[in-house]
Every structure is written in structure tokens, then in C-alpha cells.
Amino acid sequence: MDDSEKESISKTAGVGAGMLGGAKVGQVVLPIPVVGSFAGAVLGGVVGSEVGKRVGKALINGVTAFVDTLRDDGAPRPAPPAEDEVPASPS
């Protein structure tokens, strides 16, 4: 998974979480039905998108590293071939 995919996933998660949280806060701040929820969801989505882009990629990298350590059985692994090396074909 490359950095652009991680950023996209993080941004989407941030937007969703921000909209949900913002709608709840907006309803409390502006107790007008629908208006408070909508305003809060829009503002929360914008803030959540920015926070998600910054925090999400680091969170994904940390979780991936943690899961990789759980999968490691301690056996030495061969180094992956360099990009310019072509594996020898069996004869």
C-alpha cells in the first residue's frame, strides 16, 4: 500500500468521523432541527478530513508494523531481489 492510498483511506475515515461528531455538536450548539446538524456535519467533515490526512497515515503505518511483528515467527527471511535483478529461470 503506497502513501497516496493511505492518505485517501485516512481522509475518508476522517470525513466520516468528523461529520458524525460535528452533527452531534452542531445540534447542541444550534438547537434548530436539521440546521444545527447540517452545519456541524459540514464543519466536522472539513476538520475531520484534515486531521485524518495527518494522523491516519501514521496510524496505518503503526498498525501495520504491529501486525507484522505478530506474524513474525523469528525465522530469518531471504532479502527480496533488487528491482534490476531478474530471478534465474529453472533449467
PDB file of N, CA and C in Angstrom:
ATOM      1  N   MET A   1       0.854  -1.165   0.000  1.00  0.00           N
ATOM      2  CA  MET A   1       0.000   0.000   0.000  1.00  0.00           C
ATOM      3  C   MET A   1       0.901   1.230   0.000  1.00  0.00           C
ATOM      4  N   ASP A   2       0.712   2.120  -0.967  1.00  0.00           N
ATOM      5  CA  ASP A   2       1.563   3.296  -1.032  1.00  0.00           C
ATOM      6  C   ASP A   2       0.958   4.458  -0.245  1.00  0.00           C
ATOM      7  N   ASP A   3       1.707   5.544  -0.140  1.00  0.00           N
ATOM      8  CA  ASP A   3       1.303   6.670   0.698  1.00  0.00           C
ATOM      9  C   ASP A   3       0.020   7.334   0.213  1.00  0.00           C
ATOM     10  N   SER A   4      -0.203   7.387  -1.091  1.00  0.00           N
ATOM     11  CA  SER A   4      -1.421   8.039  -1.589  1.00  0.00           C
ATOM     12  C   SER A   4      -2.666   7.234  -1.212  1.00  0.00           C
ATOM     13  N   GLU A   5      -2.563   5.904  -1.217  1.00  0.00           N
ATOM     14  CA  GLU A   5      -3.702   5.081  -0.790  1.00  0.00           C
ATOM     15  C   GLU A   5      -3.969   5.265   0.697  1.00  0.00           C
ATOM     16  N   LYS A   6      -2.899   5.302   1.491  1.00  0.00           N
ATOM     17  CA  LYS A   6      -3.057   5.513   2.931  1.00  0.00           C
ATOM     18  C   LYS A   6      -3.693   6.864   3.214  1.00  0.00           C
ATOM     19  N   GLU A   7      -3.260   7.894   2.480  1.00  0.00           N
ATOM     20  CA  GLU A   7      -3.827   9.222   2.690  1.00  0.00           C
ATOM     21  C   GLU A   7      -5.294   9.267   2.296  1.00  0.00           C
ATOM     22  N   SER A   8      -5.648   8.595   1.214  1.00  0.00           N
ATOM     23  CA  SER A   8      -7.036   8.563   0.770  1.00  0.00           C
ATOM     24  C   SER A   8      -7.935   7.859   1.783  1.00  0.00           C
ATOM     25  N   ILE A   9      -7.475   6.724   2.296  1.00  0.00           N
ATOM     26  CA  ILE A   9      -8.241   5.988   3.297  1.00  0.00           C
ATOM     27  C   ILE A   9      -8.391   6.822   4.560  1.00  0.00           C
ATOM     28  N   SER A  10      -7.311   7.451   4.978  1.00  0.00           N
ATOM     29  CA  SER A  10      -7.327   8.261   6.190  1.00  0.00           C
ATOM     30  C   SER A  10      -8.254   9.462   6.049  1.00  0.00           C
ATOM     31  N   LYS A  11      -8.218  10.097   4.892  1.00  0.00           N
ATOM     32  CA  LYS A  11      -9.068  11.259   4.645  1.00  0.00           C
ATOM     33  C   LYS A  11     -10.542  10.857   4.692  1.00  0.00           C
ATOM     34  N   THR A  12     -10.882   9.745   4.067  1.00  0.00           N
ATOM     35  CA  THR A  12     -12.271   9.279   4.059  1.00  0.00           C
ATOM     36  C   THR A  12     -12.758   8.940   5.463  1.00  0.00           C
ATOM     37  N   ALA A  13     -11.912   8.263   6.231  1.00  0.00           N
ATOM     38  CA  ALA A  13     -12.284   7.940   7.608  1.00  0.00           C
ATOM     39  C   ALA A  13     -12.431   9.205   8.435  1.00  0.00           C
ATOM     40  N   GLY A  14     -11.554  10.174   8.219  1.00  0.00           N
ATOM     41  CA  GLY A  14     -11.635  11.435   8.947  1.00  0.00           C
ATOM     42  C   GLY A  14     -12.900  12.206   8.616  1.00  0.00           C
ATOM     43  N   VAL A  15     -13.275  12.218   7.351  1.00  0.00           N
ATOM     44  CA  VAL A  15     -14.510  12.905   6.946  1.00  0.00           C
ATOM     45  C   VAL A  15     -15.722  12.267   7.623  1.00  0.00           C
ATOM     46  N   GLY A  16     -15.793  10.943   7.604  1.00  0.00           N
ATOM     47  CA  GLY A  16     -16.925  10.252   8.218  1.00  0.00           C
ATOM     48  C   GLY A  16     -17.021  10.510   9.707  1.00  0.00           C
ATOM     49  N   ALA A  17     -15.894  10.359  10.399  1.00  0.00           N
ATOM     50  CA  ALA A  17     -15.901  10.584  11.847  1.00  0.00           C
ATOM     51  C   ALA A  17     -16.188  12.044  12.169  1.00  0.00           C
ATOM     52  N   GLY A  18     -15.608  12.956  11.385  1.00  0.00           N
ATOM     53  CA  GLY A  18     -15.843  14.382  11.615  1.00  0.00           C
ATOM     54  C   GLY A  18     -17.290  14.778  11.394  1.00  0.00           C
ATOM     55  N   MET A  19     -17.908  14.207  10.371  1.00  0.00           N
ATOM     56  CA  MET A  19     -19.311  14.533  10.110  1.00  0.00           C
ATOM     57  C   MET A  19     -20.224  14.038  11.223  1.00  0.00           C
ATOM     58  N   LEU A  20     -19.966  12.825  11.696  1.00  0.00           N
ATOM     59  CA  LEU A  20     -20.803  12.295  12.775  1.00  0.00           C
ATOM     60  C   LEU A  20     -20.640  13.106  14.056  1.00  0.00           C
ATOM     61  N   GLY A  21     -19.398  13.366  14.425  1.00  0.00           N
ATOM     62  CA  GLY A  21     -19.155  14.149  15.635  1.00  0.00           C
ATOM     63  C   GLY A  21     -19.641  15.577  15.494  1.00  0.00           C
ATOM     64  N   GLY A  22     -19.390  16.163  14.324  1.00  0.00           N
ATOM     65  CA  GLY A  22     -19.822  17.538  14.093  1.00  0.00           C
ATOM     66  C   GLY A  22     -21.334  17.689  14.114  1.00  0.00           C
ATOM     67  N   ALA A  23     -22.048  16.723  13.600  1.00  0.00           N
ATOM     68  CA  ALA A  23     -23.516  16.787  13.617  1.00  0.00           C
ATOM     69  C   ALA A  23     -24.041  16.784  15.051  1.00  0.00           C
ATOM     70  N   LYS A  24     -23.427  15.980  15.914  1.00  0.00           N
ATOM     71  CA  LYS A  24     -23.859  15.945  17.320  1.00  0.00           C
ATOM     72  C   LYS A  24     -23.573  17.273  18.009  1.00  0.00           C
ATOM     73  N   VAL A  25     -22.371  17.798  17.792  1.00  0.00           N
ATOM     74  CA  VAL A  25     -22.009  19.078  18.418  1.00  0.00           C
ATOM     75  C   VAL A  25     -22.846  20.211  17.833  1.00  0.00           C
ATOM     76  N   GLY A  26     -23.044  20.203  16.526  1.00  0.00           N
ATOM     77  CA  GLY A  26     -23.837  21.242  15.882  1.00  0.00           C
ATOM     78  C   GLY A  26     -25.266  21.275  16.383  1.00  0.00           C
ATOM     79  N   GLN A  27     -25.842  20.125  16.665  1.00  0.00           N
ATOM     80  CA  GLN A  27     -27.207  20.077  17.172  1.00  0.00           C
ATOM     81  C   GLN A  27     -27.292  20.683  18.574  1.00  0.00           C
ATOM     82  N   VAL A  28     -26.242  20.538  19.364  1.00  0.00           N
ATOM     83  CA  VAL A  28     -26.232  21.112  20.707  1.00  0.00           C
ATOM     84  C   VAL A  28     -26.014  22.619  20.635  1.00  0.00           C
ATOM     85  N   VAL A  29     -25.084  23.062  19.771  1.00  0.00           N
ATOM     86  CA  VAL A  29     -24.770  24.486  19.671  1.00  0.00           C
ATOM     87  C   VAL A  29     -25.911  25.259  19.008  1.00  0.00           C
ATOM     88  N   LEU A  30     -26.456  24.713  17.933  1.00  0.00           N
ATOM     89  CA  LEU A  30     -27.594  25.336  17.237  1.00  0.00           C
ATOM     90  C   LEU A  30     -28.800  24.394  17.369  1.00  0.00           C
ATOM     91  N   PRO A  31     -29.626  24.602  18.376  1.00  0.00           N
ATOM     92  CA  PRO A  31     -30.725  23.650  18.611  1.00  0.00           C
ATOM     93  C   PRO A  31     -31.899  23.775  17.626  1.00  0.00           C
ATOM     94  N   ILE A  32     -31.636  24.240  16.429  1.00  0.00           N
ATOM     95  CA  ILE A  32     -32.671  24.307  15.398  1.00  0.00           C
ATOM     96  C   ILE A  32     -32.626  22.980  14.643  1.00  0.00           C
ATOM     97  N   PRO A  33     -33.758  22.273  14.547  1.00  0.00           N
ATOM     98  CA  PRO A  33     -33.739  20.974  13.873  1.00  0.00           C
ATOM     99  C   PRO A  33     -33.155  21.076  12.460  1.00  0.00           C
ATOM    100  N   VAL A  34     -32.376  20.150  12.075  1.00  0.00           N
ATOM    101  CA  VAL A  34     -31.718  19.996  10.780  1.00  0.00           C
ATOM    102  C   VAL A  34     -30.594  21.020  10.567  1.00  0.00           C
ATOM    103  N   VAL A  35     -30.803  22.275  10.904  1.00  0.00           N
ATOM    104  CA  VAL A  35     -29.801  23.316  10.641  1.00  0.00           C
ATOM    105  C   VAL A  35     -28.539  23.071  11.462  1.00  0.00           C
ATOM    106  N   GLY A  36     -28.688  22.815  12.750  1.00  0.00           N
ATOM    107  CA  GLY A  36     -27.535  22.573  13.609  1.00  0.00           C
ATOM    108  C   GLY A  36     -26.772  21.329  13.193  1.00  0.00           C
ATOM    109  N   SER A  37     -27.504  20.280  12.899  1.00  0.00           N
ATOM    110  CA  SER A  37     -26.852  19.038  12.466  1.00  0.00           C
ATOM    111  C   SER A  37     -26.113  19.225  11.154  1.00  0.00           C
ATOM    112  N   PHE A  38     -26.737  19.901  10.210  1.00  0.00           N
ATOM    113  CA  PHE A  38     -26.113  20.109   8.903  1.00  0.00           C
ATOM    114  C   PHE A  38     -24.861  20.968   9.026  1.00  0.00           C
ATOM    115  N   ALA A  39     -24.965  22.086   9.729  1.00  0.00           N
ATOM    116  CA  ALA A  39     -23.812  22.979   9.887  1.00  0.00           C
ATOM    117  C   ALA A  39     -22.672  22.263  10.608  1.00  0.00           C
ATOM    118  N   GLY A  40     -22.998  21.526  11.644  1.00  0.00           N
ATOM    119  CA  GLY A  40     -21.976  20.792  12.373  1.00  0.00           C
ATOM    120  C   GLY A  40     -21.341  19.704  11.529  1.00  0.00           C
ATOM    121  N   ALA A  41     -22.131  19.009  10.723  1.00  0.00           N
ATOM    122  CA  ALA A  41     -21.600  17.943   9.868  1.00  0.00           C
ATOM    123  C   ALA A  41     -20.663  18.506   8.809  1.00  0.00           C
ATOM    124  N   VAL A  42     -21.004  19.642   8.224  1.00  0.00           N
ATOM    125  CA  VAL A  42     -20.138  20.255   7.215  1.00  0.00           C
ATOM    126  C   VAL A  42     -18.817  20.682   7.843  1.00  0.00           C
ATOM    127  N   LEU A  43     -18.894  21.392   8.958  1.00  0.00           N
ATOM    128  CA  LEU A  43     -17.673  21.840   9.626  1.00  0.00           C
ATOM    129  C   LEU A  43     -16.856  20.651  10.138  1.00  0.00           C
ATOM    130  N   GLY A  44     -17.523  19.664  10.707  1.00  0.00           N
ATOM    131  CA  GLY A  44     -16.835  18.472  11.195  1.00  0.00           C
ATOM    132  C   GLY A  44     -16.187  17.684  10.073  1.00  0.00           C
ATOM    133  N   GLY A  45     -16.818  17.624   8.920  1.00  0.00           N
ATOM    134  CA  GLY A  45     -16.243  16.929   7.770  1.00  0.00           C
ATOM    135  C   GLY A  45     -14.972  17.586   7.282  1.00  0.00           C
ATOM    136  N   VAL A  46     -14.949  18.906   7.252  1.00  0.00           N
ATOM    137  CA  VAL A  46     -13.749  19.634   6.827  1.00  0.00           C
ATOM    138  C   VAL A  46     -12.611  19.407   7.814  1.00  0.00           C
ATOM    139  N   VAL A  47     -12.898  19.573   9.096  1.00  0.00           N
ATOM    140  CA  VAL A  47     -11.871  19.377  10.124  1.00  0.00           C
ATOM    141  C   VAL A  47     -11.417  17.918  10.144  1.00  0.00           C
ATOM    142  N   GLY A  48     -12.349  16.989  10.067  1.00  0.00           N
ATOM    143  CA  GLY A  48     -12.010  15.569  10.082  1.00  0.00           C
ATOM    144  C   GLY A  48     -11.152  15.157   8.902  1.00  0.00           C
ATOM    145  N   SER A  49     -11.383  15.753   7.751  1.00  0.00           N
ATOM    146  CA  SER A  49     -10.583  15.451   6.564  1.00  0.00           C
ATOM    147  C   SER A  49      -9.126  15.841   6.785  1.00  0.00           C
ATOM    148  N   GLU A  50      -8.892  17.021   7.309  1.00  0.00           N
ATOM    149  CA  GLU A  50      -7.525  17.486   7.544  1.00  0.00           C
ATOM    150  C   GLU A  50      -6.834  16.676   8.640  1.00  0.00           C
ATOM    151  N   VAL A  51      -7.553  16.400   9.709  1.00  0.00           N
ATOM    152  CA  VAL A  51      -6.972  15.609  10.793  1.00  0.00           C
ATOM    153  C   VAL A  51      -6.693  14.190  10.309  1.00  0.00           C
ATOM    154  N   GLY A  52      -7.613  13.629   9.548  1.00  0.00           N
ATOM    155  CA  GLY A  52      -7.438  12.279   9.027  1.00  0.00           C
ATOM    156  C   GLY A  52      -6.220  12.145   8.138  1.00  0.00           C
ATOM    157  N   LYS A  53      -5.976  13.145   7.275  1.00  0.00           N
ATOM    158  CA  LYS A  53      -4.814  13.095   6.388  1.00  0.00           C
ATOM    159  C   LYS A  53      -3.513  13.083   7.183  1.00  0.00           C
ATOM    160  N   ARG A  54      -3.480  13.821   8.286  1.00  0.00           N
ATOM    161  CA  ARG A  54      -2.245  13.935   9.049  1.00  0.00           C
ATOM    162  C   ARG A  54      -2.044  12.764  10.011  1.00  0.00           C
ATOM    163  N   VAL A  55      -3.084  12.355  10.678  1.00  0.00           N
ATOM    164  CA  VAL A  55      -2.969  11.333  11.715  1.00  0.00           C
ATOM    165  C   VAL A  55      -3.144   9.924  11.152  1.00  0.00           C
ATOM    166  N   GLY A  56      -3.996   9.779  10.173  1.00  0.00           N
ATOM    167  CA  GLY A  56      -4.351   8.456   9.664  1.00  0.00           C
ATOM    168  C   GLY A  56      -3.194   7.677   9.081  1.00  0.00           C
ATOM    169  N   LYS A  57      -2.335   8.342   8.294  1.00  0.00           N
ATOM    170  CA  LYS A  57      -1.226   7.631   7.672  1.00  0.00           C
ATOM    171  C   LYS A  57      -0.276   7.077   8.735  1.00  0.00           C
ATOM    172  N   ALA A  58      -0.011   7.871   9.764  1.00  0.00           N
ATOM    173  CA  ALA A  58       0.850   7.399  10.848  1.00  0.00           C
ATOM    174  C   ALA A  58       0.195   6.245  11.599  1.00  0.00           C
ATOM    175  N   LEU A  59      -1.098   6.322  11.784  1.00  0.00           N
ATOM    176  CA  LEU A  59      -1.825   5.255  12.471  1.00  0.00           C
ATOM    177  C   LEU A  59      -1.796   3.960  11.660  1.00  0.00           C
ATOM    178  N   ILE A  60      -1.991   4.061  10.359  1.00  0.00           N
ATOM    179  CA  ILE A  60      -1.948   2.871   9.495  1.00  0.00           C
ATOM    180  C   ILE A  60      -0.547   2.253   9.515  1.00  0.00           C
ATOM    181  N   ASN A  61       0.488   3.092   9.441  1.00  0.00           N
ATOM    182  CA  ASN A  61       1.860   2.576   9.482  1.00  0.00           C
ATOM    183  C   ASN A  61       2.144   1.869  10.807  1.00  0.00           C
ATOM    184  N   GLY A  62       1.673   2.433  11.916  1.00  0.00           N
ATOM    185  CA  GLY A  62       1.888   1.816  13.220  1.00  0.00           C
ATOM    186  C   GLY A  62       1.175   0.492  13.357  1.00  0.00           C
ATOM    187  N   VAL A  63      -0.061   0.433  12.918  1.00  0.00           N
ATOM    188  CA  VAL A  63      -0.824  -0.817  12.995  1.00  0.00           C
ATOM    189  C   VAL A  63      -0.199  -1.879  12.101  1.00  0.00           C
ATOM    190  N   THR A  64       0.238  -1.484  10.917  1.00  0.00           N
ATOM    191  CA  THR A  64       0.882  -2.439  10.005  1.00  0.00           C
ATOM    192  C   THR A  64       2.155  -3.011  10.616  1.00  0.00           C
ATOM    193  N   ALA A  65       2.966  -2.151  11.230  1.00  0.00           N
ATOM    194  CA  ALA A  65       4.197  -2.628  11.871  1.00  0.00           C
ATOM    195  C   ALA A  65       3.880  -3.567  13.027  1.00  0.00           C
ATOM    196  N   PHE A  66       2.849  -3.252  13.801  1.00  0.00           N
ATOM    197  CA  PHE A  66       2.457  -4.100  14.927  1.00  0.00           C
ATOM    198  C   PHE A  66       2.000  -5.476  14.439  1.00  0.00           C
ATOM    199  N   VAL A  67       1.165  -5.504  13.415  1.00  0.00           N
ATOM    200  CA  VAL A  67       0.667  -6.773  12.883  1.00  0.00           C
ATOM    201  C   VAL A  67       1.815  -7.587  12.283  1.00  0.00           C
ATOM    202  N   ASP A  68       2.757  -6.917  11.623  1.00  0.00           N
ATOM    203  CA  ASP A  68       3.907  -7.627  11.066  1.00  0.00           C
ATOM    204  C   ASP A  68       4.739  -8.293  12.152  1.00  0.00           C
ATOM    205  N   THR A  69       4.881  -7.651  13.313  1.00  0.00           N
ATOM    206  CA  THR A  69       5.640  -8.278  14.401  1.00  0.00           C
ATOM    207  C   THR A  69       4.893  -9.473  14.970  1.00  0.00           C
ATOM    208  N   LEU A  70       3.577  -9.441  14.950  1.00  0.00           N
ATOM    209  CA  LEU A  70       2.807 -10.585  15.439  1.00  0.00           C
ATOM    210  C   LEU A  70       2.928 -11.774  14.485  1.00  0.00           C
ATOM    211  N   ARG A  71       3.044 -11.506  13.215  1.00  0.00           N
ATOM    212  CA  ARG A  71       3.153 -12.573  12.220  1.00  0.00           C
ATOM    213  C   ARG A  71       4.550 -13.173  12.162  1.00  0.00           C
ATOM    214  N   ASP A  72       5.549 -12.445  12.630  1.00  0.00           N
ATOM    215  CA  ASP A  72       6.943 -12.891  12.537  1.00  0.00           C
ATOM    216  C   ASP A  72       7.161 -14.104  13.424  1.00  0.00           C
ATOM    217  N   ASP A  73       7.690 -15.175  12.831  1.00  0.00           N
ATOM    218  CA  ASP A  73       7.941 -16.393  13.604  1.00  0.00           C
ATOM    219  C   ASP A  73       9.397 -16.497  14.043  1.00  0.00           C
ATOM    220  N   GLY A  74      10.194 -15.483  13.770  1.00  0.00           N
ATOM    221  CA  GLY A  74      11.581 -15.461  14.205  1.00  0.00           C
ATOM    222  C   GLY A  74      12.554 -16.087  13.222  1.00  0.00           C
ATOM    223  N   ALA A  75      12.074 -16.736  12.190  1.00  0.00           N
ATOM    224  CA  ALA A  75      12.957 -17.364  11.204  1.00  0.00           C
ATOM    225  C   ALA A  75      13.535 -16.293  10.288  1.00  0.00           C
ATOM    226  N   PRO A  76      14.804 -16.419   9.940  1.00  0.00           N
ATOM    227  CA  PRO A  76      15.387 -15.425   9.029  1.00  0.00           C
ATOM    228  C   PRO A  76      14.752 -15.531   7.646  1.00  0.00           C
ATOM    229  N   ARG A  77      14.538 -14.410   7.043  1.00  0.00           N
ATOM    230  CA  ARG A  77      13.922 -14.364   5.724  1.00  0.00           C
ATOM    231  C   ARG A  77      14.962 -13.906   4.703  1.00  0.00           C
ATOM    232  N   PRO A  78      14.933 -14.472   3.500  1.00  0.00           N
ATOM    233  CA  PRO A  78      15.858 -14.002   2.468  1.00  0.00           C
ATOM    234  C   PRO A  78      15.491 -12.588   2.036  1.00  0.00           C
ATOM    235  N   ALA A  79      16.485 -11.825   1.671  1.00  0.00           N
ATOM    236  CA  ALA A  79      16.242 -10.460   1.212  1.00  0.00           C
ATOM    237  C   ALA A  79      15.515 -10.504  -0.125  1.00  0.00           C
ATOM    238  N   PRO A  80      14.573  -9.583  -0.336  1.00  0.00           N
ATOM    239  CA  PRO A  80      13.883  -9.560  -1.630  1.00  0.00           C
ATOM    240  C   PRO A  80      14.856  -9.171  -2.733  1.00  0.00           C
ATOM    241  N   PRO A  81      14.648  -9.649  -3.953  1.00  0.00           N
ATOM    242  CA  PRO A  81      15.561  -9.302  -5.051  1.00  0.00           C
ATOM    243  C   PRO A  81      15.460  -7.817  -5.370  1.00  0.00           C
ATOM    244  N   ALA A  82      16.564  -7.254  -5.810  1.00  0.00           N
ATOM    245  CA  ALA A  82      16.573  -5.848  -6.216  1.00  0.00           C
ATOM    246  C   ALA A  82      15.716  -5.722  -7.461  1.00  0.00           C
ATOM    247  N   GLU A  83      15.242  -4.504  -7.702  1.00  0.00           N
ATOM    248  CA  GLU A  83      14.337  -4.302  -8.831  1.00  0.00           C
ATOM    249  C   GLU A  83      15.008  -4.569 -10.174  1.00  0.00           C
ATOM    250  N   ASP A  84      16.334  -4.347 -10.258  1.00  0.00           N
ATOM    251  CA  ASP A  84      17.001  -4.539 -11.534  1.00  0.00           C
ATOM    252  C   ASP A  84      17.486  -5.989 -11.734  1.00  0.00           C
ATOM    253  N   GLU A  85      17.357  -6.828 -10.714  1.00  0.00           N
ATOM    254  CA  GLU A  85      17.755  -8.239 -10.839  1.00  0.00           C
ATOM    255  C   GLU A  85      16.592  -9.065 -11.364  1.00  0.00           C
ATOM    256  N   VAL A  86      16.887  -9.956 -12.242  1.00  0.00           N
ATOM    257  CA  VAL A  86      15.886 -10.886 -12.767  1.00  0.00           C
ATOM    258  C   VAL A  86      16.177 -12.251 -12.168  1.00  0.00           C
ATOM    259  N   PRO A  87      15.183 -12.887 -11.537  1.00  0.00           N
ATOM    260  CA  PRO A  87      15.444 -14.201 -10.959  1.00  0.00           C
ATOM    261  C   PRO A  87      15.831 -15.207 -12.043  1.00  0.00           C
ATOM    262  N   ALA A  88      16.761 -16.096 -11.689  1.00  0.00           N
ATOM    263  CA  ALA A  88      17.220 -17.118 -12.631  1.00  0.00           C
ATOM    264  C   ALA A  88      16.086 -18.102 -12.901  1.00  0.00           C
ATOM    265  N   SER A  89      15.920 -18.445 -14.161  1.00  0.00           N
ATOM    266  CA  SER A  89      14.871 -19.402 -14.504  1.00  0.00           C
ATOM    267  C   SER A  89      15.391 -20.817 -14.282  1.00  0.00           C
ATOM    268  N   PRO A  90      14.537 -21.687 -13.762  1.00  0.00           N
ATOM    269  CA  PRO A  90      14.976 -23.075 -13.534  1.00  0.00           C
ATOM    270  C   PRO A  90      15.217 -23.784 -14.864  1.00  0.00           C
ATOM    271  N   SER A  91      16.278 -24.573 -14.953  1.00  0.00           N
ATOM    272  CA  SER A  91      16.550 -25.299 -16.193  1.00  0.00           C
ATOM    273  C   SER A  91      16.317 -26.762 -16.012  1.00  0.00           C
TER     274      SER A  91
END
